[in-house]
Protein backbone atom coordinates (compact mmCIF):
# COMPACT_ATOMS: atom_id res chain seq x y z
CA MET A 1 25.03 187.14 71.93
CA ALA A 2 27.06 184.08 72.80
CA GLU A 3 25.23 181.47 74.85
CA THR A 4 28.08 178.99 75.33
CA TYR A 5 31.84 179.15 75.75
CA GLU A 6 32.15 177.60 72.29
CA GLU A 7 30.07 180.41 70.77
CA LEU A 8 32.08 183.01 72.69
CA SER A 9 35.30 181.44 71.45
CA ALA A 10 34.03 181.65 67.86
CA ALA A 11 32.95 185.28 68.41
CA VAL A 12 36.42 186.21 69.66
CA ASP A 13 37.99 184.64 66.58
CA GLY A 14 35.42 186.33 64.34
CA ASP A 15 36.23 189.72 65.88
CA GLY A 16 39.94 189.41 65.14
CA GLY A 17 41.04 187.97 68.47
CA ILE A 18 39.33 190.28 70.96
CA THR A 19 35.71 191.08 71.74
CA PRO A 20 33.77 193.02 74.37
CA ILE A 21 31.29 191.13 76.52
CA SER A 22 29.20 191.99 79.54
CA MET A 23 29.68 190.23 82.82
CA ASN A 24 25.98 189.39 82.69
CA THR A 25 26.54 187.40 79.50
CA LEU A 26 29.51 185.61 81.06
CA ARG A 27 27.35 184.85 84.10
CA LEU A 28 24.63 183.37 81.86
CA ILE A 29 27.14 181.33 79.86
CA ASN A 30 28.48 179.96 83.13
CA GLY A 31 24.98 179.21 84.41
CA ALA A 32 25.54 181.10 87.65
CA GLY A 33 22.74 182.82 89.53
CA ARG A 34 24.81 185.70 90.85
CA LEU A 35 28.24 187.11 90.29
CA GLY A 36 30.74 187.09 93.10
CA PRO A 37 34.45 186.47 93.56
CA GLY A 38 34.02 182.69 93.42
CA VAL A 39 31.91 182.76 90.25
CA CYS A 40 34.31 185.23 88.62
CA ASN A 41 37.23 182.89 89.38
CA ILE A 42 35.34 179.97 87.85
CA ILE A 43 34.53 182.03 84.74
CA SER A 44 38.20 182.99 84.43
CA LYS A 45 39.26 179.34 84.62
CA GLU A 46 36.62 178.29 82.10
CA LEU A 47 37.76 180.98 79.66
CA SER A 48 41.35 179.79 79.90
CA GLN A 49 40.24 176.22 79.13
CA TYR A 50 38.93 177.58 75.82
CA GLY A 51 42.19 179.41 75.11
CA LEU A 52 40.75 182.77 76.14
CA GLY A 53 42.04 185.48 78.43
CA HIS A 54 40.31 188.57 79.75
CA ILE A 55 40.94 192.13 80.80
CA PRO A 56 40.74 193.37 83.40
CA GLU A 57 42.69 190.55 85.00
CA GLU A 58 40.25 190.48 87.91
CA LEU A 59 36.74 190.09 86.55
CA PRO A 60 34.26 192.55 88.07
CA SER A 61 31.34 191.30 90.16
CA TYR A 62 28.82 193.67 88.59
CA SER A 63 26.72 192.27 85.75
CA THR A 64 26.59 195.65 83.98
CA GLU A 65 30.39 195.83 83.63
CA GLU A 66 31.93 195.14 80.25
CA VAL A 67 35.20 193.26 79.85
CA ARG A 68 37.36 192.26 76.89
CA VAL A 69 37.88 188.59 76.10
CA TYR A 70 40.81 187.76 73.86
CA ARG A 71 42.48 184.74 72.28
CA LEU A 72 45.59 183.59 74.13
CA GLY A 73 48.68 182.91 72.05
CA THR A 74 47.85 185.48 69.38
CA GLN A 75 49.61 188.77 68.71
CA ILE A 76 46.78 190.61 70.48
CA GLY A 77 47.05 188.26 73.45
CA ASP A 78 50.82 188.68 73.56
CA ILE A 79 50.48 192.48 73.47
CA ILE A 80 47.90 192.47 76.26
CA ASN A 81 50.12 190.20 78.36
CA ALA A 82 53.12 192.47 77.69
CA ILE A 83 51.13 195.38 79.12
CA VAL A 84 49.46 193.74 82.12
CA GLN A 85 52.48 191.59 83.08
CA PRO A 86 55.50 193.81 82.32
CA SER A 87 58.74 192.09 81.41
CA HIS A 88 61.86 192.74 79.36
CA SER A 89 60.65 190.48 76.56
CA GLY A 90 57.25 192.19 76.69
CA ASP A 91 58.94 195.57 76.32
CA GLN A 92 60.75 194.28 73.23
CA LEU A 93 57.47 193.06 71.75
CA LEU A 94 55.79 196.43 72.33
CA ARG A 95 58.70 198.26 70.72
CA ALA A 96 58.59 195.96 67.69
CA VAL A 97 54.84 196.30 67.24
CA GLY A 98 55.00 200.06 67.70
CA GLY A 99 57.84 200.41 65.21
CA ALA A 100 56.04 198.29 62.62
CA ALA A 101 52.88 200.38 62.98
CA GLU A 102 54.82 203.63 62.63
CA GLY A 103 56.53 202.30 59.50
CA LYS A 104 53.19 201.41 57.92
CA LEU A 105 51.77 204.85 58.73
CA GLU A 106 54.76 206.53 57.10
CA ARG A 107 54.31 204.43 53.95
CA ILE A 108 50.60 205.28 53.83
CA LYS A 109 51.36 209.00 54.21
CA ALA A 110 53.91 208.78 51.38
CA ILE A 111 51.36 207.14 49.08
CA VAL A 112 48.63 209.66 49.93
CA ASN A 113 50.98 212.61 49.36
CA GLU A 114 52.20 211.40 45.92
């Protein structure tokens, strides 16, 4: 379990750019006594200072809730942003990623069926 934002940042990178984490752990990393809208906003800002984003976009105030923390500026981060903040360029990214995945699956099927 990460105990600092630096450790959380390393965990996200170690997990391929996205990792689940409980709000309780984020609360402890932040050093807050209780979660509330103000603390959640501070946590969100702290995460962004470490190049991290989170989903859901509004962090929950319950310590038992689990969220996903991801690395901003990565393909995963760009895909998440394309979904939660729809745009024309985001649609193009999703189409490209989807098409690439489908192409890989077709190649794998062809190899397996040889």
